[in-house]
């Protein structure tokens, strides 16, 4: 596994913390404003150079820029223009050797939690989801429409992903419930995701193994990981307790998944890809702007992951 961390495109202390923890590779988020042109190599190069000058080599793009991907998932009048821009991103990524894009197919509502103040070990706060607390968004889309939009997108982009040797790593819906109000969801089971990554026969189409989300689906990781092994391009290292309708995050060493044993399974299956910690607790003395992405909790999680990786060789 290649140890990475998740970084915004503008410098902050997490860049330094990661380096101090021995992390040398990055999962990067592009700027989300009108000044950044995803089709302009010079715009990407400036960000790439900022990371490499700091000692971090970007390997994965996450997420696919929402300004493009939201239209693609909805299949609206801007879809084709946005797909063209995605296609123009791929040769730029090739030049910079950023080989993987983590994308999802959650329309209208992305990853969702209904609380961010659940007490975990020692009083640390974590995020959680309870379907009973979900509030209607006033939007709607059907599973049939989502499947159609997904197939349209994949068939348009995959030839170029293959040409430029870029991996498209599909993230499951989080939470993996059948619907949120009138918004249906499709990437909610191994069966559906296996269907999705075999819409076309391509070595460029695979998955982000967000292991806790698969667990919340009710899937057995010891069955799913071997079946998807050749399609796992990226791993989100996360732990949780509960089920798809009611769950919460945990410290990485305090959930249902035996994290060291699951890492042995990845190794046994030959999965050797970028991996990052995900959704960490809020520790005392720290404030959060995005729940699950604070710095101190990441330090603990990175150290724990790094210890497991070294422990299993």
Protein backbone atom coordinates (compact mmCIF):
# COMPACT_ATOMS: atom_id res chain seq x y z
CA UNK A 1 0.00 0.00 0.00
CA UNK A 2 1.07 3.57 -0.68
CA UNK A 3 0.40 5.75 2.37
CA UNK A 4 -1.30 9.03 1.43
CA UNK A 5 -3.27 11.81 3.07
CA UNK A 6 -6.05 14.08 1.84
CA UNK A 7 -5.14 17.68 1.02
CA UNK A 8 -6.90 20.81 -0.13
CA UNK A 9 -5.11 22.63 -2.94
CA UNK A 10 -4.18 25.61 -0.76
CA UNK A 11 -1.47 25.11 1.83
CA UNK A 12 -2.47 24.52 5.44
CA UNK A 13 -0.91 22.82 8.45
CA UNK A 14 -2.09 19.37 7.36
CA UNK A 15 0.62 19.46 4.69
CA UNK A 16 3.26 19.81 7.41
CA UNK A 17 1.61 17.34 9.78
CA UNK A 18 1.54 14.70 7.06
CA UNK A 19 5.22 15.17 6.26
CA UNK A 20 6.08 14.98 9.95
CA UNK A 21 4.18 11.66 10.08
CA UNK A 22 6.16 10.31 7.13
CA UNK A 23 3.46 10.75 4.48
CA UNK A 24 5.00 11.66 1.13
CA UNK A 25 2.08 11.16 -1.26
CA UNK A 26 -1.15 13.08 -1.63
CA UNK A 27 -4.80 12.69 -2.50
CA UNK A 28 -5.63 16.19 -3.70
CA UNK A 29 -8.76 18.28 -4.11
CA UNK A 30 -8.75 20.86 -6.88
CA UNK A 31 -9.83 24.47 -6.27
CA UNK A 32 -13.57 24.93 -6.64
CA UNK A 33 -13.84 28.45 -7.97
CA UNK A 34 -14.17 30.05 -11.40
CA UNK A 35 -10.52 31.08 -11.48
CA UNK A 36 -9.35 27.48 -11.82
CA UNK A 37 -9.75 25.97 -15.29
CA UNK A 38 -9.68 22.17 -15.11
CA UNK A 39 -8.71 22.01 -18.80
CA UNK A 40 -5.65 24.30 -18.45
CA UNK A 41 -2.37 22.48 -17.83
CA UNK A 42 -0.73 25.58 -16.34
CA UNK A 43 -3.41 25.76 -13.62
CA UNK A 44 -2.82 22.14 -12.63
CA UNK A 45 0.94 22.55 -12.86
CA UNK A 46 0.95 25.42 -10.38
CA UNK A 47 -0.86 23.34 -7.78
CA UNK A 48 1.20 20.24 -8.51
CA UNK A 49 4.43 22.22 -8.08
CA UNK A 50 3.22 23.66 -4.76
CA UNK A 51 2.82 20.12 -3.45
CA UNK A 52 6.05 18.70 -4.85
CA UNK A 53 8.05 21.72 -3.67
CA UNK A 54 6.67 20.92 -0.22
CA UNK A 55 7.72 17.27 -0.46
CA UNK A 56 4.33 15.75 -1.35
CA UNK A 57 3.70 13.90 -4.61
CA UNK A 58 0.03 13.91 -5.73
CA UNK A 59 -1.23 10.48 -6.81
CA UNK A 60 -5.02 10.66 -6.62
CA UNK A 61 -7.62 13.28 -7.52
CA UNK A 62 -10.62 13.29 -5.15
CA UNK A 63 -13.31 14.20 -5.85
CA UNK A 64 -13.89 14.59 -9.55
CA UNK A 65 -14.62 18.36 -9.67
CA UNK A 66 -18.19 18.80 -8.45
CA UNK A 67 -18.88 21.67 -10.83
CA UNK A 68 -18.61 19.11 -13.63
CA UNK A 69 -19.69 15.93 -11.97
CA UNK A 70 -22.95 17.23 -10.52
CA UNK A 71 -24.27 17.91 -14.04
CA UNK A 72 -23.03 14.52 -15.25
CA UNK A 73 -24.83 12.66 -12.47
CA UNK A 74 -28.07 14.55 -13.10
CA UNK A 75 -27.80 14.18 -16.88
CA UNK A 76 -28.90 17.78 -17.42
CA UNK A 77 -28.34 20.13 -20.36
CA UNK A 78 -24.74 20.81 -19.27
CA UNK A 79 -23.76 17.14 -19.15
CA UNK A 80 -21.99 16.84 -22.51
CA UNK A 81 -19.98 20.02 -21.99
CA UNK A 82 -18.89 18.77 -18.56
CA UNK A 83 -17.94 15.33 -19.92
CA UNK A 84 -15.77 17.04 -22.53
CA UNK A 85 -13.97 18.91 -19.77
CA UNK A 86 -13.43 15.68 -17.84
CA UNK A 87 -11.95 14.13 -20.97
CA UNK A 88 -9.62 17.13 -21.36
CA UNK A 89 -8.44 16.65 -17.76
CA UNK A 90 -7.10 13.16 -18.46
CA UNK A 91 -4.05 14.03 -20.62
CA UNK A 92 -3.13 16.67 -18.03
CA UNK A 93 -3.27 14.06 -15.28
CA UNK A 94 -1.16 11.77 -17.48
CA UNK A 95 1.54 14.44 -17.85
CA UNK A 96 1.60 14.95 -14.07
CA UNK A 97 1.45 11.21 -13.35
CA UNK A 98 -1.73 11.53 -11.27
CA UNK A 99 -3.15 8.13 -12.15
CA UNK A 100 -6.41 7.79 -10.19
CA UNK A 101 -9.69 9.70 -9.95
CA UNK A 102 -12.00 8.89 -7.03
CA UNK A 103 -15.57 9.58 -8.19
CA UNK A 104 -19.07 8.74 -7.00
CA UNK A 105 -22.55 8.66 -8.45
CA UNK A 106 -24.59 10.25 -5.66
CA UNK A 107 -26.89 12.80 -7.32
CA UNK A 108 -28.32 15.81 -5.43
CA UNK A 109 -27.12 14.48 -2.05
CA UNK A 110 -23.49 13.47 -1.51
CA UNK A 111 -22.07 11.69 1.51
CA UNK A 112 -24.39 12.55 4.36
CA UNK A 113 -24.42 12.57 8.15
CA UNK A 114 -27.28 13.72 10.38
CA UNK A 115 -25.08 14.41 13.43
CA UNK A 116 -21.50 15.46 14.12
CA UNK A 117 -21.57 15.45 17.93
CA UNK A 118 -21.84 11.78 18.90
CA UNK A 119 -19.56 10.95 21.81
CA UNK A 120 -16.96 8.28 21.16
CA UNK A 121 -14.06 7.06 23.31
CA UNK A 122 -12.94 9.57 25.92
CA UNK A 123 -15.56 12.07 24.83
CA UNK A 124 -14.19 12.61 21.32
CA UNK A 125 -16.93 13.59 18.89
CA UNK A 126 -17.77 11.67 15.72
CA UNK A 127 -20.26 11.89 12.90
CA UNK A 128 -23.24 9.61 12.46
CA UNK A 129 -26.31 8.93 10.34
CA UNK A 130 -29.84 8.02 11.38
CA UNK A 131 -32.45 7.69 8.64
CA UNK A 132 -35.10 8.86 11.12
CA UNK A 133 -33.37 12.25 11.34
CA UNK A 134 -33.05 12.78 7.59
CA UNK A 135 -34.75 15.93 6.33
CA UNK A 136 -36.22 16.01 2.83
CA UNK A 137 -34.17 17.95 0.29
CA UNK A 138 -36.99 18.72 -2.13
CA UNK A 139 -35.12 17.07 -5.00
CA UNK A 140 -35.72 13.81 -6.83
CA UNK A 141 -34.12 11.35 -9.24
CA UNK A 142 -34.87 7.72 -10.03
CA UNK A 143 -32.54 4.75 -9.96
CA UNK A 144 -33.37 4.12 -13.63
CA UNK A 145 -32.23 7.64 -14.53
CA UNK A 146 -29.06 7.28 -12.48
CA UNK A 147 -28.11 4.01 -14.19
CA UNK A 148 -28.71 5.59 -17.58
CA UNK A 149 -26.61 8.65 -16.69
CA UNK A 150 -23.85 6.48 -15.27
CA UNK A 151 -23.63 4.29 -18.37
CA UNK A 152 -23.62 7.35 -20.64
CA UNK A 153 -20.75 8.89 -18.69
CA UNK A 154 -18.64 5.76 -18.46
CA UNK A 155 -18.96 4.86 -22.14
CA UNK A 156 -17.98 8.43 -23.09
CA UNK A 157 -14.94 8.69 -20.82
CA UNK A 158 -13.43 5.20 -20.60
CA UNK A 159 -11.77 5.23 -24.06
CA UNK A 160 -9.82 8.30 -23.00
CA UNK A 161 -9.05 6.91 -19.54
CA UNK A 162 -7.57 3.88 -21.29
CA UNK A 163 -5.65 6.05 -23.76
CA UNK A 164 -4.02 8.07 -20.97
CA UNK A 165 -3.75 5.23 -18.43
CA UNK A 166 -6.00 6.86 -15.84
CA UNK A 167 -7.94 4.76 -13.30
CA UNK A 168 -11.55 5.67 -12.47
CA UNK A 169 -12.24 4.49 -8.91
CA UNK A 170 -15.96 4.39 -8.07
CA UNK A 171 -16.85 5.25 -4.48
CA UNK A 172 -20.01 3.68 -3.03
CA UNK A 173 -22.99 5.75 -1.91
CA UNK A 174 -22.57 6.86 1.69
CA UNK A 175 -24.87 6.12 3.42
CA UNK A 176 -25.66 3.11 1.19
CA UNK A 177 -29.44 3.39 1.50
CA UNK A 178 -31.92 2.76 -1.30
CA UNK A 179 -33.31 6.28 -1.17
CA UNK A 180 -33.15 9.56 0.71
CA UNK A 181 -36.63 10.99 0.35
CA UNK A 182 -37.29 11.15 -3.39
CA UNK A 183 -33.60 10.78 -4.26
CA UNK A 184 -32.85 7.17 -5.13
CA UNK A 185 -29.35 5.70 -4.78
CA UNK A 186 -27.72 2.94 -6.82
CA UNK A 187 -24.18 2.28 -5.57
CA UNK A 188 -25.51 0.62 -2.42
CA UNK A 189 -24.48 -3.04 -2.66
CA UNK A 190 -21.71 -5.27 -3.95
CA UNK A 191 -24.11 -6.54 -6.64
CA UNK A 192 -24.77 -3.03 -7.96
CA UNK A 193 -21.16 -1.91 -7.80
CA UNK A 194 -19.98 -5.08 -9.50
CA UNK A 195 -22.53 -4.32 -12.24
CA UNK A 196 -21.29 -0.72 -12.45
CA UNK A 197 -17.60 -1.58 -12.89
CA UNK A 198 -18.47 -4.14 -15.54
CA UNK A 199 -20.70 -1.84 -17.64
CA UNK A 200 -17.67 -1.87 -19.93
CA UNK A 201 -14.78 -4.31 -20.02
CA UNK A 202 -11.91 -2.07 -19.00
CA UNK A 203 -8.86 -2.21 -16.76
CA UNK A 204 -9.36 1.54 -16.22
CA UNK A 205 -12.68 1.17 -14.37
CA UNK A 206 -12.67 0.00 -10.76
CA UNK A 207 -13.50 0.97 -7.20
CA UNK A 208 -12.51 2.98 -4.20
CA UNK A 209 -12.77 0.42 -1.42
CA UNK A 210 -14.37 2.55 1.29
CA UNK A 211 -14.42 -0.42 3.62
CA UNK A 212 -16.76 0.94 6.31
CA UNK A 213 -19.37 1.84 3.68
CA UNK A 214 -19.31 -1.72 2.33
CA UNK A 215 -19.68 -2.90 5.92
CA UNK A 216 -22.71 -0.66 6.42
CA UNK A 217 -24.22 -2.18 3.26
CA UNK A 218 -24.27 -5.44 5.16
CA UNK A 219 -21.55 -6.94 2.95
CA UNK A 220 -18.89 -9.34 4.26
CA UNK A 221 -15.53 -7.67 3.62
CA UNK A 222 -13.82 -11.05 3.59
CA UNK A 223 -15.95 -11.98 0.56
CA UNK A 224 -16.14 -8.61 -1.18
CA UNK A 225 -12.46 -7.64 -1.10
CA UNK A 226 -11.22 -10.86 -2.79
CA UNK A 227 -13.96 -10.60 -5.43
CA UNK A 228 -13.07 -6.97 -6.23
CA UNK A 229 -9.31 -7.26 -5.66
CA UNK A 230 -8.31 -6.65 -9.28
CA UNK A 231 -10.66 -3.65 -9.40
CA UNK A 232 -9.54 -1.95 -6.17
CA UNK A 233 -7.61 1.17 -7.22
CA UNK A 234 -7.77 3.15 -3.96
CA UNK A 235 -8.65 2.44 -0.31
CA UNK A 236 -10.44 4.61 2.26
CA UNK A 237 -9.31 3.30 5.65
CA UNK A 238 -12.30 3.87 7.93
CA UNK A 239 -14.15 2.13 10.75
CA UNK A 240 -17.71 2.39 12.08
CA UNK A 241 -20.47 0.64 14.03
CA UNK A 242 -24.15 0.15 13.16
CA UNK A 243 -25.98 -0.50 9.91
CA UNK A 244 -26.93 1.45 6.79
CA UNK A 245 -29.92 3.08 8.47
CA UNK A 246 -28.19 4.04 11.73
CA UNK A 247 -24.43 4.13 12.24
CA UNK A 248 -21.60 6.29 13.47
CA UNK A 249 -17.89 6.61 12.86
CA UNK A 250 -15.35 5.45 15.43
CA UNK A 251 -11.69 5.78 16.16
CA UNK A 252 -9.99 3.55 13.63
CA UNK A 253 -9.18 0.99 16.32
CA UNK A 254 -12.61 1.01 17.95
CA UNK A 255 -15.14 -0.13 15.35
CA UNK A 256 -16.46 -3.40 13.98
CA UNK A 257 -13.65 -3.96 11.46
CA UNK A 258 -10.46 -5.66 12.64
CA UNK A 259 -8.23 -3.18 10.84
CA UNK A 260 -4.99 -5.13 11.08
CA UNK A 261 -6.65 -8.31 9.86
CA UNK A 262 -8.36 -6.56 6.96
CA UNK A 263 -4.97 -5.16 5.94
CA UNK A 264 -3.62 -8.72 5.90
CA UNK A 265 -6.49 -9.57 3.56
CA UNK A 266 -5.56 -6.75 1.19
CA UNK A 267 -2.00 -8.03 1.17
CA UNK A 268 -3.13 -11.62 0.57
CA UNK A 269 -5.25 -10.43 -2.37
CA UNK A 270 -2.36 -8.46 -3.87
CA UNK A 271 -3.99 -5.05 -3.37
CA UNK A 272 -1.14 -2.52 -3.46
CA UNK A 273 -2.68 0.89 -4.11
CA UNK A 274 -2.88 4.36 -2.54
CA UNK A 275 -4.62 4.33 0.85
CA UNK A 276 -5.74 7.15 3.11
CA UNK A 277 -7.41 7.46 6.49
CA UNK A 278 -10.95 8.78 6.44
CA UNK A 279 -13.54 10.37 8.77
CA UNK A 280 -11.65 10.93 12.02
CA UNK A 281 -12.92 11.98 15.46
CA UNK A 282 -12.86 15.56 16.72
CA UNK A 283 -10.49 15.62 19.69
CA UNK A 284 -10.73 18.01 22.63
CA UNK A 285 -9.25 21.44 22.03
CA UNK A 286 -9.78 21.37 18.28
CA UNK A 287 -12.44 23.05 16.17
CA UNK A 288 -13.78 21.67 12.91
CA UNK A 289 -15.01 23.25 9.70
CA UNK A 290 -15.65 19.96 7.88
CA UNK A 291 -16.76 17.17 10.22
CA UNK A 292 -14.51 14.13 10.06
CA UNK A 293 -11.55 15.99 8.55
CA UNK A 294 -9.79 17.59 11.52
CA UNK A 295 -6.03 17.48 11.93
CA UNK A 296 -5.42 15.96 15.37
CA UNK A 297 -7.67 12.97 14.78
CA UNK A 298 -5.84 12.36 11.51
CA UNK A 299 -2.49 12.25 13.31
CA UNK A 300 -3.73 9.40 15.48
CA UNK A 301 -5.27 7.61 12.50
CA UNK A 302 -2.19 7.98 10.29
CA UNK A 303 0.06 6.67 13.04
CA UNK A 304 -2.26 3.71 13.58
CA UNK A 305 -2.39 2.92 9.86
CA UNK A 306 1.34 3.31 9.46
CA UNK A 307 1.93 0.92 12.37
CA UNK A 308 -0.33 -1.70 10.78
CA UNK A 309 1.39 -1.35 7.42
CA UNK A 310 4.81 -1.81 8.99
CA UNK A 311 3.56 -4.61 11.22
CA UNK A 312 2.35 -6.76 8.33
CA UNK A 313 5.37 -5.95 6.18
